[in-house]
Amino acid sequence: MNTPQDSATLAEGQQVITACAAIYREGSNGHEVMVARRALTKKFLPGKFELPGGHIEFGETLVDGLRRELKEELAIDIIVGDVVDAFTYVNKIKRSHSVEIIFFAQLAGGCLPKINPTDHSEVIWVNRNNLDVIKTENGANDQEFPFIVRALDLLNR
């Protein structure tokens, strides 16, 4: 039986730091960025597309935490680059305030993502020509969407 779940991080009334990756590659229509669809069992944003990443644990650096999260969730190793941007949002499920830092990254050593079904149901690559799939699935209020667009714009300069 699938029960709704999210990380066990206690966060009510707390600031939470998250690091996410705009993992990119060169595609036939310019650079593409990987997005992952959250598992339907997630309490927060079930079934929505997101940049992969997660919570930084106490004592971790942003880069170490990002690498750990991507290893746990997608079984990938990454080469972390510069910061794309950062933003904040309120997680109404956990009643916490999150600060999300987005990094450019690339897959290391030709590794391919393997879906961990407790976290995600699929990964797709998006570019400037097919971004509507995210907007359609996530809705107009998707706070991460402008930063995916920004990452693609920076990559395709």
N, C-alpha and C. Protein backbone atom coordinates (compact mmCIF):
# COMPACT_ATOMS: atom_id res chain seq x y z
N MET A 1 0.84 -1.18 0.00
CA MET A 1 0.00 0.00 0.00
C MET A 1 0.88 1.24 0.00
N ASN A 2 0.59 2.17 -0.88
CA ASN A 2 1.32 3.43 -0.91
C ASN A 2 0.64 4.43 0.01
N THR A 3 1.39 4.95 0.97
CA THR A 3 0.85 5.96 1.85
C THR A 3 1.57 7.27 1.59
N PRO A 4 0.86 8.40 1.73
CA PRO A 4 1.51 9.67 1.50
C PRO A 4 2.72 9.83 2.40
N GLN A 5 3.82 10.29 1.82
CA GLN A 5 5.05 10.44 2.59
C GLN A 5 5.88 11.58 2.04
N ASP A 6 6.71 12.11 2.86
CA ASP A 6 7.74 13.08 2.52
C ASP A 6 8.86 12.82 3.49
N SER A 7 9.93 13.60 3.39
CA SER A 7 11.05 13.37 4.29
C SER A 7 10.60 13.51 5.74
N ALA A 8 11.30 12.85 6.62
CA ALA A 8 10.96 12.87 8.04
C ALA A 8 11.47 14.12 8.74
N THR A 9 12.04 15.04 7.99
CA THR A 9 12.59 16.25 8.58
C THR A 9 11.50 17.03 9.30
N LEU A 10 11.68 17.24 10.59
CA LEU A 10 10.75 18.07 11.34
C LEU A 10 11.05 19.51 10.99
N ALA A 11 10.01 20.27 10.63
CA ALA A 11 10.29 21.59 10.12
C ALA A 11 9.29 22.66 10.56
N GLU A 12 8.28 22.32 11.33
CA GLU A 12 7.25 23.31 11.65
C GLU A 12 7.87 24.57 12.24
N GLY A 13 7.57 25.69 11.59
CA GLY A 13 8.06 26.97 12.06
C GLY A 13 9.54 27.21 11.82
N GLN A 14 10.18 26.35 11.04
CA GLN A 14 11.63 26.43 10.83
C GLN A 14 11.97 26.89 9.42
N GLN A 15 13.20 27.37 9.28
CA GLN A 15 13.79 27.62 7.96
C GLN A 15 14.41 26.30 7.50
N VAL A 16 14.19 25.94 6.27
CA VAL A 16 14.75 24.72 5.70
C VAL A 16 15.57 25.13 4.48
N ILE A 17 16.78 24.61 4.38
CA ILE A 17 17.64 24.89 3.24
C ILE A 17 17.56 23.71 2.28
N THR A 18 17.27 23.99 1.02
CA THR A 18 17.26 22.94 0.00
C THR A 18 18.21 23.34 -1.12
N ALA A 19 18.81 22.34 -1.73
CA ALA A 19 19.67 22.55 -2.90
C ALA A 19 19.12 21.69 -4.03
N CYS A 20 19.00 22.29 -5.20
CA CYS A 20 18.48 21.59 -6.37
C CYS A 20 19.44 21.79 -7.54
N ALA A 21 19.33 20.89 -8.51
CA ALA A 21 20.24 20.92 -9.65
C ALA A 21 19.50 21.13 -10.95
N ALA A 22 19.97 22.10 -11.72
CA ALA A 22 19.57 22.25 -13.11
C ALA A 22 20.59 21.44 -13.91
N ILE A 23 20.34 20.13 -13.97
CA ILE A 23 21.25 19.22 -14.67
C ILE A 23 21.02 19.41 -16.16
N TYR A 24 22.08 19.70 -16.88
CA TYR A 24 21.90 20.04 -18.29
C TYR A 24 22.75 19.17 -19.20
N ARG A 25 22.30 19.15 -20.46
CA ARG A 25 23.04 18.49 -21.54
C ARG A 25 22.72 19.23 -22.83
N GLU A 26 23.53 18.97 -23.82
CA GLU A 26 23.29 19.56 -25.15
C GLU A 26 22.29 18.67 -25.88
N GLY A 27 21.22 19.26 -26.38
CA GLY A 27 20.22 18.53 -27.13
C GLY A 27 20.15 19.04 -28.56
N SER A 28 19.28 18.46 -29.36
CA SER A 28 19.17 18.87 -30.76
C SER A 28 18.58 20.27 -30.91
N ASN A 29 17.87 20.75 -29.89
CA ASN A 29 17.29 22.10 -29.90
C ASN A 29 17.94 23.00 -28.86
N GLY A 30 19.23 22.87 -28.67
CA GLY A 30 19.93 23.65 -27.64
C GLY A 30 20.04 22.86 -26.35
N HIS A 31 20.41 23.54 -25.30
CA HIS A 31 20.56 22.86 -24.02
C HIS A 31 19.22 22.41 -23.46
N GLU A 32 19.26 21.29 -22.74
CA GLU A 32 18.10 20.73 -22.07
C GLU A 32 18.41 20.60 -20.59
N VAL A 33 17.36 20.70 -19.77
CA VAL A 33 17.49 20.55 -18.32
C VAL A 33 16.59 19.40 -17.87
N MET A 34 17.12 18.58 -16.96
CA MET A 34 16.37 17.45 -16.42
C MET A 34 15.41 17.92 -15.32
N VAL A 35 14.17 17.47 -15.43
CA VAL A 35 13.20 17.66 -14.35
C VAL A 35 12.64 16.29 -13.98
N ALA A 36 12.26 16.15 -12.72
CA ALA A 36 11.74 14.88 -12.22
C ALA A 36 10.31 15.10 -11.71
N ARG A 37 9.44 14.15 -12.00
CA ARG A 37 8.06 14.21 -11.49
C ARG A 37 8.02 13.58 -10.10
N ARG A 38 7.54 14.35 -9.14
CA ARG A 38 7.43 13.84 -7.77
C ARG A 38 6.44 12.68 -7.71
N ALA A 39 6.74 11.72 -6.86
CA ALA A 39 5.85 10.56 -6.69
C ALA A 39 4.47 11.03 -6.22
N LEU A 40 3.45 10.32 -6.63
CA LEU A 40 2.09 10.66 -6.20
C LEU A 40 1.89 10.44 -4.70
N THR A 41 2.78 9.68 -4.08
CA THR A 41 2.69 9.44 -2.64
C THR A 41 3.24 10.59 -1.80
N LYS A 42 3.85 11.57 -2.44
CA LYS A 42 4.37 12.73 -1.71
C LYS A 42 3.22 13.59 -1.21
N LYS A 43 3.35 14.11 0.00
CA LYS A 43 2.34 15.01 0.54
C LYS A 43 2.47 16.40 -0.08
N PHE A 44 3.70 16.85 -0.27
CA PHE A 44 3.96 18.18 -0.81
C PHE A 44 4.18 18.07 -2.32
N LEU A 45 3.34 18.74 -3.08
CA LEU A 45 3.42 18.79 -4.55
C LEU A 45 3.45 17.40 -5.22
N PRO A 46 2.52 16.51 -4.87
CA PRO A 46 2.51 15.19 -5.50
C PRO A 46 2.28 15.28 -7.01
N GLY A 47 3.06 14.52 -7.77
CA GLY A 47 2.90 14.46 -9.21
C GLY A 47 3.40 15.67 -9.98
N LYS A 48 4.00 16.62 -9.30
CA LYS A 48 4.49 17.83 -9.96
C LYS A 48 5.94 17.65 -10.39
N PHE A 49 6.32 18.35 -11.46
CA PHE A 49 7.71 18.33 -11.92
C PHE A 49 8.54 19.28 -11.07
N GLU A 50 9.80 18.89 -10.83
CA GLU A 50 10.71 19.71 -10.04
C GLU A 50 12.14 19.49 -10.52
N LEU A 51 12.99 20.44 -10.17
CA LEU A 51 14.42 20.21 -10.32
C LEU A 51 14.82 19.26 -9.20
N PRO A 52 15.58 18.21 -9.49
CA PRO A 52 15.93 17.25 -8.44
C PRO A 52 16.85 17.86 -7.39
N GLY A 53 16.68 17.40 -6.17
CA GLY A 53 17.49 17.87 -5.05
C GLY A 53 16.76 17.60 -3.75
N GLY A 54 17.10 18.34 -2.72
CA GLY A 54 16.42 18.13 -1.45
C GLY A 54 17.06 18.88 -0.30
N HIS A 55 16.63 18.50 0.90
CA HIS A 55 17.05 19.17 2.12
C HIS A 55 18.52 18.96 2.43
N ILE A 56 19.14 20.01 2.90
CA ILE A 56 20.52 19.94 3.37
C ILE A 56 20.48 19.55 4.84
N GLU A 57 21.22 18.53 5.20
CA GLU A 57 21.25 18.07 6.59
C GLU A 57 22.21 18.90 7.41
N PHE A 58 22.00 18.89 8.71
CA PHE A 58 22.85 19.65 9.64
C PHE A 58 24.31 19.28 9.41
N GLY A 59 25.14 20.29 9.23
CA GLY A 59 26.57 20.09 9.07
C GLY A 59 27.03 19.84 7.64
N GLU A 60 26.10 19.66 6.70
CA GLU A 60 26.47 19.43 5.30
C GLU A 60 26.71 20.75 4.58
N THR A 61 27.59 20.72 3.60
CA THR A 61 27.68 21.86 2.69
C THR A 61 26.55 21.73 1.67
N LEU A 62 26.25 22.82 0.99
CA LEU A 62 25.21 22.78 -0.04
C LEU A 62 25.54 21.76 -1.12
N VAL A 63 26.78 21.76 -1.57
CA VAL A 63 27.20 20.85 -2.65
C VAL A 63 27.17 19.40 -2.18
N ASP A 64 27.67 19.12 -0.98
CA ASP A 64 27.64 17.74 -0.47
C ASP A 64 26.21 17.25 -0.29
N GLY A 65 25.34 18.11 0.22
CA GLY A 65 23.94 17.73 0.40
C GLY A 65 23.25 17.48 -0.93
N LEU A 66 23.54 18.31 -1.92
CA LEU A 66 22.95 18.12 -3.25
C LEU A 66 23.42 16.80 -3.85
N ARG A 67 24.69 16.53 -3.76
CA ARG A 67 25.21 15.25 -4.30
C ARG A 67 24.57 14.06 -3.59
N ARG A 68 24.44 14.14 -2.27
CA ARG A 68 23.82 13.05 -1.51
C ARG A 68 22.37 12.83 -1.96
N GLU A 69 21.61 13.92 -2.05
CA GLU A 69 20.20 13.80 -2.44
C GLU A 69 20.05 13.17 -3.83
N LEU A 70 20.88 13.57 -4.78
CA LEU A 70 20.76 13.02 -6.13
C LEU A 70 21.20 11.57 -6.19
N LYS A 71 22.15 11.20 -5.35
CA LYS A 71 22.56 9.79 -5.26
C LYS A 71 21.41 8.97 -4.68
N GLU A 72 20.76 9.47 -3.62
CA GLU A 72 19.65 8.75 -2.98
C GLU A 72 18.43 8.66 -3.90
N GLU A 73 18.08 9.75 -4.53
CA GLU A 73 16.82 9.81 -5.27
C GLU A 73 16.89 9.30 -6.70
N LEU A 74 18.04 9.51 -7.37
CA LEU A 74 18.14 9.14 -8.79
C LEU A 74 19.36 8.29 -9.11
N ALA A 75 20.13 7.91 -8.09
CA ALA A 75 21.32 7.06 -8.26
C ALA A 75 22.29 7.65 -9.28
N ILE A 76 22.46 8.98 -9.23
CA ILE A 76 23.38 9.64 -10.15
C ILE A 76 24.46 10.40 -9.39
N ASP A 77 25.61 10.51 -10.04
CA ASP A 77 26.68 11.38 -9.57
C ASP A 77 26.69 12.59 -10.48
N ILE A 78 26.97 13.75 -9.89
CA ILE A 78 26.96 14.98 -10.68
C ILE A 78 28.22 15.79 -10.46
N ILE A 79 28.50 16.62 -11.44
CA ILE A 79 29.54 17.64 -11.34
C ILE A 79 28.78 18.94 -11.12
N VAL A 80 28.98 19.55 -9.95
CA VAL A 80 28.22 20.74 -9.58
C VAL A 80 28.95 21.99 -10.09
N GLY A 81 28.17 22.88 -10.70
CA GLY A 81 28.72 24.13 -11.22
C GLY A 81 28.27 25.33 -10.41
N ASP A 82 28.10 26.44 -11.10
CA ASP A 82 27.73 27.70 -10.47
C ASP A 82 26.28 27.72 -10.02
N VAL A 83 25.97 28.66 -9.15
CA VAL A 83 24.60 28.88 -8.71
C VAL A 83 23.82 29.55 -9.85
N VAL A 84 22.63 29.03 -10.11
CA VAL A 84 21.72 29.63 -11.09
C VAL A 84 20.99 30.79 -10.43
N ASP A 85 20.39 30.51 -9.27
CA ASP A 85 19.59 31.50 -8.55
C ASP A 85 19.13 30.87 -7.24
N ALA A 86 18.37 31.63 -6.49
CA ALA A 86 17.79 31.14 -5.24
C ALA A 86 16.44 31.81 -5.05
N PHE A 87 15.56 31.14 -4.33
CA PHE A 87 14.26 31.73 -4.00
C PHE A 87 13.74 31.09 -2.72
N THR A 88 12.65 31.62 -2.21
CA THR A 88 12.05 31.07 -0.98
C THR A 88 10.60 30.71 -1.25
N TYR A 89 10.09 29.79 -0.45
CA TYR A 89 8.68 29.42 -0.52
C TYR A 89 8.25 28.86 0.82
N VAL A 90 6.94 28.85 1.04
CA VAL A 90 6.37 28.27 2.26
C VAL A 90 5.83 26.90 1.91
N ASN A 91 6.25 25.89 2.69
CA ASN A 91 5.72 24.54 2.56
C ASN A 91 4.56 24.44 3.54
N LYS A 92 3.34 24.51 3.02
CA LYS A 92 2.16 24.52 3.89
C LYS A 92 1.92 23.17 4.56
N ILE A 93 2.42 22.09 3.97
CA ILE A 93 2.28 20.76 4.57
C ILE A 93 3.11 20.67 5.85
N LYS A 94 4.36 21.07 5.76
CA LYS A 94 5.27 21.02 6.92
C LYS A 94 5.23 22.28 7.76
N ARG A 95 4.55 23.30 7.25
CA ARG A 95 4.48 24.60 7.92
C ARG A 95 5.88 25.14 8.18
N SER A 96 6.66 25.14 7.11
CA SER A 96 8.04 25.62 7.18
C SER A 96 8.30 26.61 6.06
N HIS A 97 9.40 27.31 6.17
CA HIS A 97 9.83 28.28 5.15
C HIS A 97 11.12 27.75 4.55
N SER A 98 11.12 27.52 3.24
CA SER A 98 12.29 26.94 2.58
C SER A 98 13.05 27.98 1.77
N VAL A 99 14.36 27.86 1.81
CA VAL A 99 15.25 28.62 0.96
C VAL A 99 15.85 27.61 -0.02
N GLU A 100 15.58 27.79 -1.31
CA GLU A 100 16.06 26.85 -2.32
C GLU A 100 17.16 27.49 -3.15
N ILE A 101 18.30 26.83 -3.20
CA ILE A 101 19.43 27.29 -4.01
C ILE A 101 19.56 26.32 -5.18
N ILE A 102 19.58 26.87 -6.39
CA ILE A 102 19.64 26.05 -7.60
C ILE A 102 21.03 26.17 -8.21
N PHE A 103 21.65 25.03 -8.46
CA PHE A 103 22.98 24.96 -9.06
C PHE A 103 22.89 24.38 -10.46
N PHE A 104 23.76 24.84 -11.35
CA PHE A 104 23.97 24.11 -12.60
C PHE A 104 24.71 22.83 -12.25
N ALA A 105 24.46 21.76 -12.99
CA ALA A 105 25.18 20.50 -12.79
C ALA A 105 25.15 19.69 -14.08
N GLN A 106 26.08 18.76 -14.17
CA GLN A 106 26.11 17.81 -15.28
C GLN A 106 26.26 16.41 -14.71
N LEU A 107 25.74 15.44 -15.45
CA LEU A 107 25.91 14.04 -15.06
C LEU A 107 27.39 13.68 -15.16
N ALA A 108 27.86 12.93 -14.19
CA ALA A 108 29.27 12.51 -14.17
C ALA A 108 29.41 11.13 -14.78
N GLY A 109 30.43 10.96 -15.59
CA GLY A 109 30.79 9.64 -16.09
C GLY A 109 29.73 8.91 -16.87
N GLY A 110 28.85 9.62 -17.55
CA GLY A 110 27.85 8.96 -18.38
C GLY A 110 26.76 8.23 -17.61
N CYS A 111 26.62 8.48 -16.31
CA CYS A 111 25.58 7.79 -15.54
C CYS A 111 24.19 8.25 -15.99
N LEU A 112 23.23 7.38 -15.84
CA LEU A 112 21.84 7.67 -16.19
C LEU A 112 20.98 7.54 -14.95
N PRO A 113 19.94 8.37 -14.83
CA PRO A 113 19.10 8.30 -13.64
C PRO A 113 18.32 6.99 -13.54
N LYS A 114 18.20 6.51 -12.31
CA LYS A 114 17.37 5.36 -12.00
C LYS A 114 16.32 5.85 -11.00
N ILE A 115 15.09 5.68 -11.35
CA ILE A 115 14.00 6.21 -10.55
C ILE A 115 13.88 5.45 -9.23
N ASN A 116 13.84 6.19 -8.12
CA ASN A 116 13.48 5.64 -6.82
C ASN A 116 11.99 5.98 -6.65
N PRO A 117 11.09 4.99 -6.75
CA PRO A 117 9.66 5.28 -6.80
C PRO A 117 9.09 5.94 -5.55
N THR A 118 9.80 5.92 -4.45
CA THR A 118 9.30 6.66 -3.28
C THR A 118 9.50 8.17 -3.46
N ASP A 119 10.38 8.56 -4.38
CA ASP A 119 10.66 9.98 -4.60
C ASP A 119 10.08 10.52 -5.91
N HIS A 120 10.24 9.77 -7.01
CA HIS A 120 9.84 10.26 -8.33
C HIS A 120 9.22 9.14 -9.16
N SER A 121 8.45 9.55 -10.17
CA SER A 121 7.86 8.56 -11.07
C SER A 121 8.48 8.60 -12.46
N GLU A 122 9.14 9.71 -12.82
CA GLU A 122 9.80 9.80 -14.13
C GLU A 122 10.73 11.00 -14.14
N VAL A 123 11.65 10.99 -15.09
CA VAL A 123 12.45 12.17 -15.39
C VAL A 123 12.30 12.47 -16.87
N ILE A 124 12.30 13.76 -17.20
CA ILE A 124 12.25 14.18 -18.60
C ILE A 124 13.26 15.31 -18.79
N TRP A 125 13.62 15.52 -20.04
CA TRP A 125 14.51 16.63 -20.39
C TRP A 125 13.67 17.69 -21.08
N VAL A 126 13.79 18.94 -20.62
CA VAL A 126 13.03 20.03 -21.22
C VAL A 126 13.98 21.06 -21.82
N ASN A 127 13.49 21.71 -22.87
CA ASN A 127 14.22 22.82 -23.48
C ASN A 127 13.22 23.95 -23.71
N ARG A 128 13.65 25.01 -24.36
CA ARG A 128 12.76 26.16 -24.55
C ARG A 128 11.55 25.81 -25.41
N ASN A 129 11.62 24.73 -26.19
CA ASN A 129 10.51 24.36 -27.08
C ASN A 129 9.45 23.51 -26.42
N ASN A 130 9.76 22.85 -25.31
CA ASN A 130 8.77 21.96 -24.69
C ASN A 130 8.52 22.26 -23.22
N LEU A 131 8.79 23.49 -22.80
CA LEU A 131 8.57 23.88 -21.41
C LEU A 131 7.10 23.85 -21.00
N ASP A 132 6.21 23.94 -21.98
CA ASP A 132 4.78 23.97 -21.65
C ASP A 132 4.32 22.74 -20.88
N VAL A 133 5.02 21.62 -21.06
CA VAL A 133 4.63 20.41 -20.32
C VAL A 133 4.72 20.66 -18.82
N ILE A 134 5.71 21.41 -18.37
CA ILE A 134 5.83 21.71 -16.94
C ILE A 134 4.73 22.66 -16.51
N LYS A 135 4.52 23.70 -17.28
CA LYS A 135 3.49 24.69 -16.93
C LYS A 135 2.10 24.04 -16.90
N THR A 136 1.84 23.16 -17.87
CA THR A 136 0.55 22.48 -17.92
C THR A 136 0.37 21.56 -16.71
N GLU A 137 1.38 20.78 -16.40
CA GLU A 137 1.29 19.82 -15.29
C GLU A 137 1.32 20.50 -13.92
N ASN A 138 2.17 21.52 -13.77
CA ASN A 138 2.37 22.13 -12.45
C ASN A 138 1.41 23.28 -12.17
N GLY A 139 0.86 23.90 -13.20
CA GLY A 139 -0.04 25.03 -13.00
C GLY A 139 0.70 26.36 -13.03
N ALA A 140 -0.07 27.41 -13.11
CA ALA A 140 0.48 28.76 -13.28
C ALA A 140 1.23 29.27 -12.05
N ASN A 141 0.99 28.70 -10.88
CA ASN A 141 1.62 29.20 -9.66
C ASN A 141 2.91 28.47 -9.29
N ASP A 142 3.47 27.72 -10.21
CA ASP A 142 4.71 26.97 -9.95
C ASP A 142 5.85 27.95 -9.69
N GLN A 143 6.34 27.97 -8.46
CA GLN A 143 7.37 28.93 -8.08
C GLN A 143 8.75 28.60 -8.65
N GLU A 144 8.99 27.35 -9.01
CA GLU A 144 10.29 26.96 -9.53
C GLU A 144 10.41 27.20 -11.04
N PHE A 145 9.28 27.26 -11.73
CA PHE A 145 9.28 27.37 -13.19
C PHE A 145 10.12 28.53 -13.73
N PRO A 146 10.00 29.75 -13.18
CA PRO A 146 10.81 30.85 -13.73
C PRO A 146 12.32 30.59 -13.63
N PHE A 147 12.73 29.78 -12.68
CA PHE A 147 14.15 29.50 -12.51
C PHE A 147 14.63 28.41 -13.47
N ILE A 148 13.73 27.54 -13.89
CA ILE A 148 14.06 26.59 -14.95
C ILE A 148 14.25 27.36 -16.26
N VAL A 149 13.35 28.30 -16.50
CA VAL A 149 13.47 29.16 -17.70
C VAL A 149 14.77 29.94 -17.64
N ARG A 150 15.09 30.51 -16.49
CA ARG A 150 16.34 31.28 -16.33
C ARG A 150 17.55 30.40 -16.62
N ALA A 151 17.56 29.19 -16.08
CA ALA A 151 18.69 28.28 -16.32
C ALA A 151 18.86 28.02 -17.81
N LEU A 152 17.76 27.74 -18.51
CA LEU A 152 17.83 27.49 -19.95
C LEU A 152 18.31 28.72 -20.71
N ASP A 153 17.82 29.89 -20.30
CA ASP A 153 18.26 31.12 -20.96
C ASP A 153 19.76 31.35 -20.77
N LEU A 154 20.26 31.12 -19.57
CA LEU A 154 21.69 31.28 -19.31
C LEU A 154 22.52 30.28 -20.11
N LEU A 155 22.03 29.05 -20.20
CA LEU A 155 22.76 28.01 -20.93
C LEU A 155 22.79 28.28 -22.43
N ASN A 156 21.73 28.86 -22.95
CA ASN A 156 21.60 29.03 -24.39
C ASN A 156 22.01 30.42 -24.89
N ARG A 157 22.71 31.17 -24.07
CA ARG A 157 23.18 32.49 -24.51
C ARG A 157 24.16 32.36 -25.64
